Amino acid sequence: MCCVLQVAYGVAYRVGYRVAYRVAYGVAYRVGYGVGYRVAYGVAYRVGYRVAYRVGYRVGYGVAYRVAYRVGYGVAYRFAYGFGYGVAYRVGYGFVFRCCCLP
């Protein structure tokens, strides 16, 4: 019984974590990159177009990556833990235990 529950929990947690991480990271990266690039590019453009392109791209990408990684990882971890644990508990305990473990 323990082995079956562990396998079910492991599979559900991995699937939930991967899906949540991809979704959260994709959303956070797009939002973070858009905001960071626009702010950096807007400020740099006022100073000069050449400086704007160099600074705007580097700063925008750096800020976007940091924000996206932190936000994406935080959201993904929280969502994946709750979702993965919920699915694993329901699937592993409810279905597997009732169908496979009981005589």
PDB file of N, CA and C in Angstrom:
ATOM      1  N   MET A   1       0.835  -1.200   0.000  1.00  0.00           N
ATOM      2  CA  MET A   1       0.000   0.000   0.000  1.00  0.00           C
ATOM      3  C   MET A   1       0.867   1.246   0.000  1.00  0.00           C
ATOM      4  N   CYS A   2       1.903   1.231   0.816  1.00  0.00           N
ATOM      5  CA  CYS A   2       2.766   2.403   0.912  1.00  0.00           C
ATOM      6  C   CYS A   2       3.463   2.671  -0.412  1.00  0.00           C
ATOM      7  N   CYS A   3       3.896   1.590  -1.060  1.00  0.00           N
ATOM      8  CA  CYS A   3       4.590   1.765  -2.331  1.00  0.00           C
ATOM      9  C   CYS A   3       3.664   2.353  -3.385  1.00  0.00           C
ATOM     10  N   VAL A   4       2.431   1.862  -3.409  1.00  0.00           N
ATOM     11  CA  VAL A   4       1.470   2.349  -4.392  1.00  0.00           C
ATOM     12  C   VAL A   4       1.168   3.812  -4.157  1.00  0.00           C
ATOM     13  N   LEU A   5       0.982   4.193  -2.901  1.00  0.00           N
ATOM     14  CA  LEU A   5       0.693   5.587  -2.577  1.00  0.00           C
ATOM     15  C   LEU A   5       1.882   6.478  -2.897  1.00  0.00           C
ATOM     16  N   GLN A   6       3.068   5.994  -2.648  1.00  0.00           N
ATOM     17  CA  GLN A   6       4.255   6.782  -2.948  1.00  0.00           C
ATOM     18  C   GLN A   6       4.407   6.998  -4.446  1.00  0.00           C
ATOM     19  N   VAL A   7       4.146   5.961  -5.220  1.00  0.00           N
ATOM     20  CA  VAL A   7       4.235   6.088  -6.670  1.00  0.00           C
ATOM     21  C   VAL A   7       3.186   7.064  -7.185  1.00  0.00           C
ATOM     22  N   ALA A   8       1.958   6.923  -6.707  1.00  0.00           N
ATOM     23  CA  ALA A   8       0.883   7.813  -7.144  1.00  0.00           C
ATOM     24  C   ALA A   8       1.175   9.252  -6.759  1.00  0.00           C
ATOM     25  N   TYR A   9       1.679   9.456  -5.567  1.00  0.00           N
ATOM     26  CA  TYR A   9       2.001  10.809  -5.117  1.00  0.00           C
ATOM     27  C   TYR A   9       3.148  11.390  -5.931  1.00  0.00           C
ATOM     28  N   GLY A  10       4.153  10.566  -6.191  1.00  0.00           N
ATOM     29  CA  GLY A  10       5.291  11.038  -6.978  1.00  0.00           C
ATOM     30  C   GLY A  10       4.889  11.455  -8.376  1.00  0.00           C
ATOM     31  N   VAL A  11       4.076  10.643  -9.039  1.00  0.00           N
ATOM     32  CA  VAL A  11       3.645  10.959 -10.394  1.00  0.00           C
ATOM     33  C   VAL A  11       2.793  12.218 -10.405  1.00  0.00           C
ATOM     34  N   ALA A  12       1.830  12.307  -9.515  1.00  0.00           N
ATOM     35  CA  ALA A  12       0.943  13.465  -9.476  1.00  0.00           C
ATOM     36  C   ALA A  12       1.702  14.733  -9.136  1.00  0.00           C
ATOM     37  N   TYR A  13       2.642  14.630  -8.225  1.00  0.00           N
ATOM     38  CA  TYR A  13       3.403  15.816  -7.835  1.00  0.00           C
ATOM     39  C   TYR A  13       4.286  16.300  -8.982  1.00  0.00           C
ATOM     40  N   ARG A  14       4.918  15.369  -9.676  1.00  0.00           N
ATOM     41  CA  ARG A  14       5.779  15.756 -10.788  1.00  0.00           C
ATOM     42  C   ARG A  14       4.982  16.395 -11.910  1.00  0.00           C
ATOM     43  N   VAL A  15       3.849  15.794 -12.246  1.00  0.00           N
ATOM     44  CA  VAL A  15       3.015  16.342 -13.310  1.00  0.00           C
ATOM     45  C   VAL A  15       2.482  17.707 -12.913  1.00  0.00           C
ATOM     46  N   GLY A  16       1.949  17.805 -11.702  1.00  0.00           N
ATOM     47  CA  GLY A  16       1.416  19.083 -11.236  1.00  0.00           C
ATOM     48  C   GLY A  16       2.479  20.160 -11.179  1.00  0.00           C
ATOM     49  N   TYR A  17       3.658  19.794 -10.742  1.00  0.00           N
ATOM     50  CA  TYR A  17       4.734  20.773 -10.622  1.00  0.00           C
ATOM     51  C   TYR A  17       5.199  21.241 -11.995  1.00  0.00           C
ATOM     52  N   ARG A  18       5.338  20.322 -12.928  1.00  0.00           N
ATOM     53  CA  ARG A  18       5.798  20.701 -14.264  1.00  0.00           C
ATOM     54  C   ARG A  18       4.803  21.616 -14.954  1.00  0.00           C
ATOM     55  N   VAL A  19       3.529  21.261 -14.893  1.00  0.00           N
ATOM     56  CA  VAL A  19       2.503  22.076 -15.536  1.00  0.00           C
ATOM     57  C   VAL A  19       2.442  23.451 -14.889  1.00  0.00           C
ATOM     58  N   ALA A  20       2.412  23.482 -13.571  1.00  0.00           N
ATOM     59  CA  ALA A  20       2.311  24.757 -12.872  1.00  0.00           C
ATOM     60  C   ALA A  20       3.533  25.621 -13.119  1.00  0.00           C
ATOM     61  N   TYR A  21       4.698  25.018 -13.136  1.00  0.00           N
ATOM     62  CA  TYR A  21       5.925  25.789 -13.339  1.00  0.00           C
ATOM     63  C   TYR A  21       5.962  26.395 -14.739  1.00  0.00           C
ATOM     64  N   ARG A  22       5.581  25.620 -15.732  1.00  0.00           N
ATOM     65  CA  ARG A  22       5.594  26.135 -17.097  1.00  0.00           C
ATOM     66  C   ARG A  22       4.602  27.277 -17.264  1.00  0.00           C
ATOM     67  N   VAL A  23       3.401  27.099 -16.752  1.00  0.00           N
ATOM     68  CA  VAL A  23       2.380  28.142 -16.878  1.00  0.00           C
ATOM     69  C   VAL A  23       2.793  29.389 -16.119  1.00  0.00           C
ATOM     70  N   ALA A  24       3.184  29.220 -14.861  1.00  0.00           N
ATOM     71  CA  ALA A  24       3.546  30.374 -14.045  1.00  0.00           C
ATOM     72  C   ALA A  24       4.786  31.066 -14.592  1.00  0.00           C
ATOM     73  N   TYR A  25       5.761  30.302 -15.015  1.00  0.00           N
ATOM     74  CA  TYR A  25       6.984  30.902 -15.545  1.00  0.00           C
ATOM     75  C   TYR A  25       6.710  31.627 -16.854  1.00  0.00           C
ATOM     76  N   GLY A  26       5.886  31.038 -17.703  1.00  0.00           N
ATOM     77  CA  GLY A  26       5.550  31.696 -18.962  1.00  0.00           C
ATOM     78  C   GLY A  26       4.845  33.019 -18.746  1.00  0.00           C
ATOM     79  N   VAL A  27       3.854  33.035 -17.863  1.00  0.00           N
ATOM     80  CA  VAL A  27       3.118  34.268 -17.580  1.00  0.00           C
ATOM     81  C   VAL A  27       4.023  35.296 -16.926  1.00  0.00           C
ATOM     82  N   ALA A  28       4.766  34.868 -15.913  1.00  0.00           N
ATOM     83  CA  ALA A  28       5.626  35.799 -15.191  1.00  0.00           C
ATOM     84  C   ALA A  28       6.730  36.342 -16.089  1.00  0.00           C
ATOM     85  N   TYR A  29       7.269  35.516 -16.945  1.00  0.00           N
ATOM     86  CA  TYR A  29       8.346  35.971 -17.823  1.00  0.00           C
ATOM     87  C   TYR A  29       7.835  36.997 -18.820  1.00  0.00           C
ATOM     88  N   ARG A  30       6.673  36.747 -19.379  1.00  0.00           N
ATOM     89  CA  ARG A  30       6.114  37.701 -20.333  1.00  0.00           C
ATOM     90  C   ARG A  30       5.793  39.029 -19.662  1.00  0.00           C
ATOM     91  N   VAL A  31       5.168  38.972 -18.501  1.00  0.00           N
ATOM     92  CA  VAL A  31       4.822  40.198 -17.779  1.00  0.00           C
ATOM     93  C   VAL A  31       6.080  40.920 -17.330  1.00  0.00           C
ATOM     94  N   GLY A  32       6.987  40.192 -16.706  1.00  0.00           N
ATOM     95  CA  GLY A  32       8.218  40.809 -16.213  1.00  0.00           C
ATOM     96  C   GLY A  32       9.064  41.377 -17.330  1.00  0.00           C
ATOM     97  N   TYR A  33       9.177  40.659 -18.424  1.00  0.00           N
ATOM     98  CA  TYR A  33       9.979  41.131 -19.546  1.00  0.00           C
ATOM     99  C   TYR A  33       9.340  42.358 -20.178  1.00  0.00           C
ATOM    100  N   GLY A  34       8.027  42.330 -20.339  1.00  0.00           N
ATOM    101  CA  GLY A  34       7.343  43.476 -20.934  1.00  0.00           C
ATOM    102  C   GLY A  34       7.496  44.729 -20.098  1.00  0.00           C
ATOM    103  N   VAL A  35       7.269  44.617 -18.801  1.00  0.00           N
ATOM    104  CA  VAL A  35       7.375  45.776 -17.912  1.00  0.00           C
ATOM    105  C   VAL A  35       8.814  46.260 -17.833  1.00  0.00           C
ATOM    106  N   GLY A  36       9.732  45.339 -17.591  1.00  0.00           N
ATOM    107  CA  GLY A  36      11.136  45.728 -17.461  1.00  0.00           C
ATOM    108  C   GLY A  36      11.679  46.365 -18.725  1.00  0.00           C
ATOM    109  N   TYR A  37      11.341  45.816 -19.865  1.00  0.00           N
ATOM    110  CA  TYR A  37      11.858  46.347 -21.126  1.00  0.00           C
ATOM    111  C   TYR A  37      11.256  47.713 -21.431  1.00  0.00           C
ATOM    112  N   ARG A  38       9.978  47.872 -21.187  1.00  0.00           N
ATOM    113  CA  ARG A  38       9.330  49.152 -21.472  1.00  0.00           C
ATOM    114  C   ARG A  38       9.879  50.264 -20.589  1.00  0.00           C
ATOM    115  N   VAL A  39      10.018  49.980 -19.305  1.00  0.00           N
ATOM    116  CA  VAL A  39      10.543  50.994 -18.386  1.00  0.00           C
ATOM    117  C   VAL A  39      11.975  51.355 -18.746  1.00  0.00           C
ATOM    118  N   ALA A  40      12.810  50.343 -18.906  1.00  0.00           N
ATOM    119  CA  ALA A  40      14.213  50.608 -19.220  1.00  0.00           C
ATOM    120  C   ALA A  40      14.361  51.292 -20.576  1.00  0.00           C
ATOM    121  N   TYR A  41      13.598  50.858 -21.545  1.00  0.00           N
ATOM    122  CA  TYR A  41      13.697  51.446 -22.878  1.00  0.00           C
ATOM    123  C   TYR A  41      13.178  52.878 -22.875  1.00  0.00           C
ATOM    124  N   GLY A  42      12.087  53.130 -22.137  1.00  0.00           N
ATOM    125  CA  GLY A  42      11.538  54.485 -22.066  1.00  0.00           C
ATOM    126  C   GLY A  42      12.518  55.468 -21.439  1.00  0.00           C
ATOM    127  N   VAL A  43      13.131  55.072 -20.348  1.00  0.00           N
ATOM    128  CA  VAL A  43      14.104  55.940 -19.684  1.00  0.00           C
ATOM    129  C   VAL A  43      15.324  56.151 -20.567  1.00  0.00           C
ATOM    130  N   ALA A  44      15.814  55.071 -21.148  1.00  0.00           N
ATOM    131  CA  ALA A  44      17.009  55.175 -21.974  1.00  0.00           C
ATOM    132  C   ALA A  44      16.746  55.945 -23.263  1.00  0.00           C
ATOM    133  N   TYR A  45      15.562  55.839 -23.793  1.00  0.00           N
ATOM    134  CA  TYR A  45      15.245  56.531 -25.045  1.00  0.00           C
ATOM    135  C   TYR A  45      15.297  58.042 -24.870  1.00  0.00           C
ATOM    136  N   ARG A  46      14.913  58.500 -23.683  1.00  0.00           N
ATOM    137  CA  ARG A  46      14.981  59.935 -23.416  1.00  0.00           C
ATOM    138  C   ARG A  46      16.430  60.416 -23.375  1.00  0.00           C
ATOM    139  N   VAL A  47      17.304  59.577 -22.905  1.00  0.00           N
ATOM    140  CA  VAL A  47      18.718  59.967 -22.845  1.00  0.00           C
ATOM    141  C   VAL A  47      19.330  59.940 -24.240  1.00  0.00           C
ATOM    142  N   GLY A  48      19.045  58.912 -24.986  1.00  0.00           N
ATOM    143  CA  GLY A  48      19.596  58.807 -26.343  1.00  0.00           C
ATOM    144  C   GLY A  48      19.224  57.474 -26.950  1.00  0.00           C
ATOM    145  N   TYR A  49      19.076  57.443 -28.269  1.00  0.00           N
ATOM    146  CA  TYR A  49      18.618  56.222 -28.916  1.00  0.00           C
ATOM    147  C   TYR A  49      19.680  55.133 -28.860  1.00  0.00           C
ATOM    148  N   ARG A  50      20.930  55.481 -29.068  1.00  0.00           N
ATOM    149  CA  ARG A  50      21.983  54.481 -29.029  1.00  0.00           C
ATOM    150  C   ARG A  50      22.135  53.905 -27.629  1.00  0.00           C
ATOM    151  N   VAL A  51      22.135  54.802 -26.639  1.00  0.00           N
ATOM    152  CA  VAL A  51      22.219  54.343 -25.248  1.00  0.00           C
ATOM    153  C   VAL A  51      20.971  53.555 -24.895  1.00  0.00           C
ATOM    154  N   ALA A  52      19.859  53.988 -25.436  1.00  0.00           N
ATOM    155  CA  ALA A  52      18.596  53.333 -25.124  1.00  0.00           C
ATOM    156  C   ALA A  52      18.609  51.878 -25.552  1.00  0.00           C
ATOM    157  N   TYR A  53      19.100  51.644 -26.744  1.00  0.00           N
ATOM    158  CA  TYR A  53      19.070  50.283 -27.263  1.00  0.00           C
ATOM    159  C   TYR A  53      19.985  49.370 -26.462  1.00  0.00           C
ATOM    160  N   ARG A  54      21.180  49.856 -26.160  1.00  0.00           N
ATOM    161  CA  ARG A  54      22.126  49.033 -25.422  1.00  0.00           C
ATOM    162  C   ARG A  54      21.678  48.824 -23.983  1.00  0.00           C
ATOM    163  N   VAL A  55      21.409  49.939 -23.292  1.00  0.00           N
ATOM    164  CA  VAL A  55      21.019  49.855 -21.883  1.00  0.00           C
ATOM    165  C   VAL A  55      19.642  49.242 -21.746  1.00  0.00           C
ATOM    166  N   GLY A  56      18.727  49.682 -22.599  1.00  0.00           N
ATOM    167  CA  GLY A  56      17.350  49.195 -22.507  1.00  0.00           C
ATOM    168  C   GLY A  56      17.255  47.689 -22.649  1.00  0.00           C
ATOM    169  N   TYR A  57      17.985  47.160 -23.604  1.00  0.00           N
ATOM    170  CA  TYR A  57      17.916  45.719 -23.836  1.00  0.00           C
ATOM    171  C   TYR A  57      18.567  44.958 -22.693  1.00  0.00           C
ATOM    172  N   ARG A  58      19.730  45.400 -22.261  1.00  0.00           N
ATOM    173  CA  ARG A  58      20.436  44.688 -21.204  1.00  0.00           C
ATOM    174  C   ARG A  58      19.695  44.777 -19.879  1.00  0.00           C
ATOM    175  N   VAL A  59      19.301  46.007 -19.506  1.00  0.00           N
ATOM    176  CA  VAL A  59      18.601  46.195 -18.234  1.00  0.00           C
ATOM    177  C   VAL A  59      17.243  45.517 -18.277  1.00  0.00           C
ATOM    178  N   GLY A  60      16.523  45.727 -19.389  1.00  0.00           N
ATOM    179  CA  GLY A  60      15.197  45.123 -19.501  1.00  0.00           C
ATOM    180  C   GLY A  60      15.244  43.612 -19.399  1.00  0.00           C
ATOM    181  N   TYR A  61      16.197  43.019 -20.083  1.00  0.00           N
ATOM    182  CA  TYR A  61      16.302  41.565 -20.061  1.00  0.00           C
ATOM    183  C   TYR A  61      16.739  41.074 -18.691  1.00  0.00           C
ATOM    184  N   GLY A  62      17.685  41.780 -18.081  1.00  0.00           N
ATOM    185  CA  GLY A  62      18.158  41.373 -16.753  1.00  0.00           C
ATOM    186  C   GLY A  62      17.068  41.457 -15.704  1.00  0.00           C
ATOM    187  N   VAL A  63      16.359  42.588 -15.679  1.00  0.00           N
ATOM    188  CA  VAL A  63      15.280  42.762 -14.710  1.00  0.00           C
ATOM    189  C   VAL A  63      14.170  41.763 -14.973  1.00  0.00           C
ATOM    190  N   ALA A  64      13.820  41.604 -16.247  1.00  0.00           N
ATOM    191  CA  ALA A  64      12.740  40.681 -16.585  1.00  0.00           C
ATOM    192  C   ALA A  64      13.075  39.262 -16.159  1.00  0.00           C
ATOM    193  N   TYR A  65      14.308  38.854 -16.390  1.00  0.00           N
ATOM    194  CA  TYR A  65      14.691  37.487 -16.057  1.00  0.00           C
ATOM    195  C   TYR A  65      14.661  37.273 -14.550  1.00  0.00           C
ATOM    196  N   ARG A  66      15.174  38.224 -13.800  1.00  0.00           N
ATOM    197  CA  ARG A  66      15.184  38.088 -12.341  1.00  0.00           C
ATOM    198  C   ARG A  66      13.774  38.073 -11.777  1.00  0.00           C
ATOM    199  N   VAL A  67      12.961  39.031 -12.207  1.00  0.00           N
ATOM    200  CA  VAL A  67      11.583  39.099 -11.712  1.00  0.00           C
ATOM    201  C   VAL A  67      10.812  37.859 -12.123  1.00  0.00           C
ATOM    202  N   ALA A  68      10.952  37.483 -13.384  1.00  0.00           N
ATOM    203  CA  ALA A  68      10.208  36.330 -13.880  1.00  0.00           C
ATOM    204  C   ALA A  68      10.616  35.057 -13.158  1.00  0.00           C
ATOM    205  N   TYR A  69      11.897  34.909 -12.900  1.00  0.00           N
ATOM    206  CA  TYR A  69      12.363  33.691 -12.241  1.00  0.00           C
ATOM    207  C   TYR A  69      11.841  33.621 -10.814  1.00  0.00           C
ATOM    208  N   ARG A  70      11.938  34.715 -10.088  1.00  0.00           N
ATOM    209  CA  ARG A  70      11.481  34.712  -8.698  1.00  0.00           C
ATOM    210  C   ARG A  70       9.975  34.537  -8.604  1.00  0.00           C
ATOM    211  N   VAL A  71       9.256  35.346  -9.389  1.00  0.00           N
ATOM    212  CA  VAL A  71       7.794  35.257  -9.351  1.00  0.00           C
ATOM    213  C   VAL A  71       7.332  33.911  -9.883  1.00  0.00           C
ATOM    214  N   GLY A  72       7.889  33.513 -11.019  1.00  0.00           N
ATOM    215  CA  GLY A  72       7.481  32.239 -11.613  1.00  0.00           C
ATOM    216  C   GLY A  72       7.764  31.065 -10.708  1.00  0.00           C
ATOM    217  N   TYR A  73       8.939  31.074 -10.094  1.00  0.00           N
ATOM    218  CA  TYR A  73       9.288  29.953  -9.226  1.00  0.00           C
ATOM    219  C   TYR A  73       8.421  29.949  -7.979  1.00  0.00           C
ATOM    220  N   GLY A  74       8.177  31.131  -7.408  1.00  0.00           N
ATOM    221  CA  GLY A  74       7.345  31.202  -6.206  1.00  0.00           C
ATOM    222  C   GLY A  74       5.921  30.747  -6.469  1.00  0.00           C
ATOM    223  N   VAL A  75       5.332  31.275  -7.540  1.00  0.00           N
ATOM    224  CA  VAL A  75       3.961  30.895  -7.881  1.00  0.00           C
ATOM    225  C   VAL A  75       3.894  29.421  -8.244  1.00  0.00           C
ATOM    226  N   ALA A  76       4.866  28.973  -9.026  1.00  0.00           N
ATOM    227  CA  ALA A  76       4.859  27.578  -9.451  1.00  0.00           C
ATOM    228  C   ALA A  76       4.999  26.638  -8.263  1.00  0.00           C
ATOM    229  N   TYR A  77       5.871  26.993  -7.339  1.00  0.00           N
ATOM    230  CA  TYR A  77       6.090  26.112  -6.195  1.00  0.00           C
ATOM    231  C   TYR A  77       4.837  26.035  -5.329  1.00  0.00           C
ATOM    232  N   ARG A  78       4.220  27.170  -5.069  1.00  0.00           N
ATOM    233  CA  ARG A  78       3.009  27.168  -4.240  1.00  0.00           C
ATOM    234  C   ARG A  78       1.873  26.423  -4.925  1.00  0.00           C
ATOM    235  N   PHE A  79       1.659  26.748  -6.198  1.00  0.00           N
ATOM    236  CA  PHE A  79       0.572  26.103  -6.919  1.00  0.00           C
ATOM    237  C   PHE A  79       0.832  24.620  -7.098  1.00  0.00           C
ATOM    238  N   ALA A  80       2.078  24.288  -7.437  1.00  0.00           N
ATOM    239  CA  ALA A  80       2.409  22.889  -7.672  1.00  0.00           C
ATOM    240  C   ALA A  80       2.289  22.073  -6.395  1.00  0.00           C
ATOM    241  N   TYR A  81       2.690  22.659  -5.288  1.00  0.00           N
ATOM    242  CA  TYR A  81       2.603  21.919  -4.030  1.00  0.00           C
ATOM    243  C   TYR A  81       1.147  21.658  -3.667  1.00  0.00           C
ATOM    244  N   GLY A  82       0.319  22.704  -3.752  1.00  0.00           N
ATOM    245  CA  GLY A  82      -1.098  22.518  -3.433  1.00  0.00           C
ATOM    246  C   GLY A  82      -1.800  21.618  -4.427  1.00  0.00           C
ATOM    247  N   PHE A  83      -1.560  21.873  -5.715  1.00  0.00           N
ATOM    248  CA  PHE A  83      -2.216  21.080  -6.748  1.00  0.00           C
ATOM    249  C   PHE A  83      -1.700  19.652  -6.754  1.00  0.00           C
ATOM    250  N   GLY A  84      -0.372  19.515  -6.698  1.00  0.00           N
ATOM    251  CA  GLY A  84       0.209  18.180  -6.719  1.00  0.00           C
ATOM    252  C   GLY A  84      -0.188  17.358  -5.514  1.00  0.00           C
ATOM    253  N   TYR A  85      -0.197  17.995  -4.354  1.00  0.00           N
ATOM    254  CA  TYR A  85      -0.561  17.268  -3.146  1.00  0.00           C
ATOM    255  C   TYR A  85      -2.033  16.888  -3.174  1.00  0.00           C
ATOM    256  N   GLY A  86      -2.882  17.818  -3.645  1.00  0.00           N
ATOM    257  CA  GLY A  86      -4.312  17.516  -3.717  1.00  0.00           C
ATOM    258  C   GLY A  86      -4.611  16.382  -4.673  1.00  0.00           C
ATOM    259  N   VAL A  87      -4.027  16.443  -5.860  1.00  0.00           N
ATOM    260  CA  VAL A  87      -4.256  15.390  -6.844  1.00  0.00           C
ATOM    261  C   VAL A  87      -3.673  14.072  -6.362  1.00  0.00           C
ATOM    262  N   ALA A  88      -2.463  14.132  -5.814  1.00  0.00           N
ATOM    263  CA  ALA A  88      -1.828  12.908  -5.347  1.00  0.00           C
ATOM    264  C   ALA A  88      -2.629  12.262  -4.228  1.00  0.00           C
ATOM    265  N   TYR A  89      -3.143  13.072  -3.344  1.00  0.00           N
ATOM    266  CA  TYR A  89      -3.901  12.529  -2.226  1.00  0.00           C
ATOM    267  C   TYR A  89      -5.203  11.904  -2.708  1.00  0.00           C
ATOM    268  N   ARG A  90      -5.891  12.601  -3.603  1.00  0.00           N
ATOM    269  CA  ARG A  90      -7.164  12.079  -4.090  1.00  0.00           C
ATOM    270  C   ARG A  90      -6.968  10.836  -4.945  1.00  0.00           C
ATOM    271  N   VAL A  91      -6.032  10.923  -5.883  1.00  0.00           N
ATOM    272  CA  VAL A  91      -5.805   9.787  -6.774  1.00  0.00           C
ATOM    273  C   VAL A  91      -5.177   8.628  -6.016  1.00  0.00           C
ATOM    274  N   GLY A  92      -4.090   8.933  -5.312  1.00  0.00           N
ATOM    275  CA  GLY A  92      -3.365   7.860  -4.633  1.00  0.00           C
ATOM    276  C   GLY A  92      -4.161   7.212  -3.527  1.00  0.00           C
ATOM    277  N   TYR A  93      -4.805   8.012  -2.710  1.00  0.00           N
ATOM    278  CA  TYR A  93      -5.518   7.455  -1.569  1.00  0.00           C
ATOM    279  C   TYR A  93      -6.909   6.981  -1.961  1.00  0.00           C
ATOM    280  N   GLY A  94      -7.648   7.830  -2.692  1.00  0.00           N
ATOM    281  CA  GLY A  94      -9.024   7.480  -3.027  1.00  0.00           C
ATOM    282  C   GLY A  94      -9.144   6.332  -4.000  1.00  0.00           C
ATOM    283  N   PHE A  95      -8.494   6.448  -5.154  1.00  0.00           N
ATOM    284  CA  PHE A  95      -8.664   5.444  -6.199  1.00  0.00           C
ATOM    285  C   PHE A  95      -7.798   4.211  -5.972  1.00  0.00           C
ATOM    286  N   VAL A  96      -6.518   4.428  -5.777  1.00  0.00           N
ATOM    287  CA  VAL A  96      -5.600   3.301  -5.666  1.00  0.00           C
ATOM    288  C   VAL A  96      -5.880   2.487  -4.416  1.00  0.00           C
ATOM    289  N   PHE A  97      -6.124   3.161  -3.318  1.00  0.00           N
ATOM    290  CA  PHE A  97      -6.354   2.446  -2.071  1.00  0.00           C
ATOM    291  C   PHE A  97      -7.635   1.629  -2.139  1.00  0.00           C
ATOM    292  N   ARG A  98      -8.674   2.206  -2.712  1.00  0.00           N
ATOM    293  CA  ARG A  98      -9.952   1.502  -2.768  1.00  0.00           C
ATOM    294  C   ARG A  98      -9.922   0.345  -3.763  1.00  0.00           C
ATOM    295  N   CYS A  99      -9.302   0.562  -4.907  1.00  0.00           N
ATOM    296  CA  CYS A  99      -9.349  -0.448  -5.964  1.00  0.00           C
ATOM    297  C   CYS A  99      -8.258  -1.511  -5.841  1.00  0.00           C
ATOM    298  N   CYS A 100      -7.111  -1.133  -5.332  1.00  0.00           N
ATOM    299  CA  CYS A 100      -5.979  -2.048  -5.373  1.00  0.00           C
ATOM    300  C   CYS A 100      -5.586  -2.609  -4.010  1.00  0.00           C
ATOM    301  N   CYS A 101      -5.887  -1.907  -2.966  1.00  0.00           N
ATOM    302  CA  CYS A 101      -5.377  -2.315  -1.663  1.00  0.00           C
ATOM    303  C   CYS A 101      -6.411  -3.053  -0.820  1.00  0.00           C
ATOM    304  N   LEU A 102      -7.664  -2.752  -1.058  1.00  0.00           N
ATOM    305  CA  LEU A 102      -8.690  -3.418  -0.259  1.00  0.00           C
ATOM    306  C   LEU A 102      -9.015  -4.783  -0.852  1.00  0.00           C
ATOM    307  N   PRO A 103      -9.267  -5.751  -0.011  1.00  0.00           N
ATOM    308  CA  PRO A 103      -9.617  -7.092  -0.525  1.00  0.00           C
ATOM    309  C   PRO A 103     -10.994  -7.099  -1.166  1.00  0.00           C
TER     310      PRO A 103
END
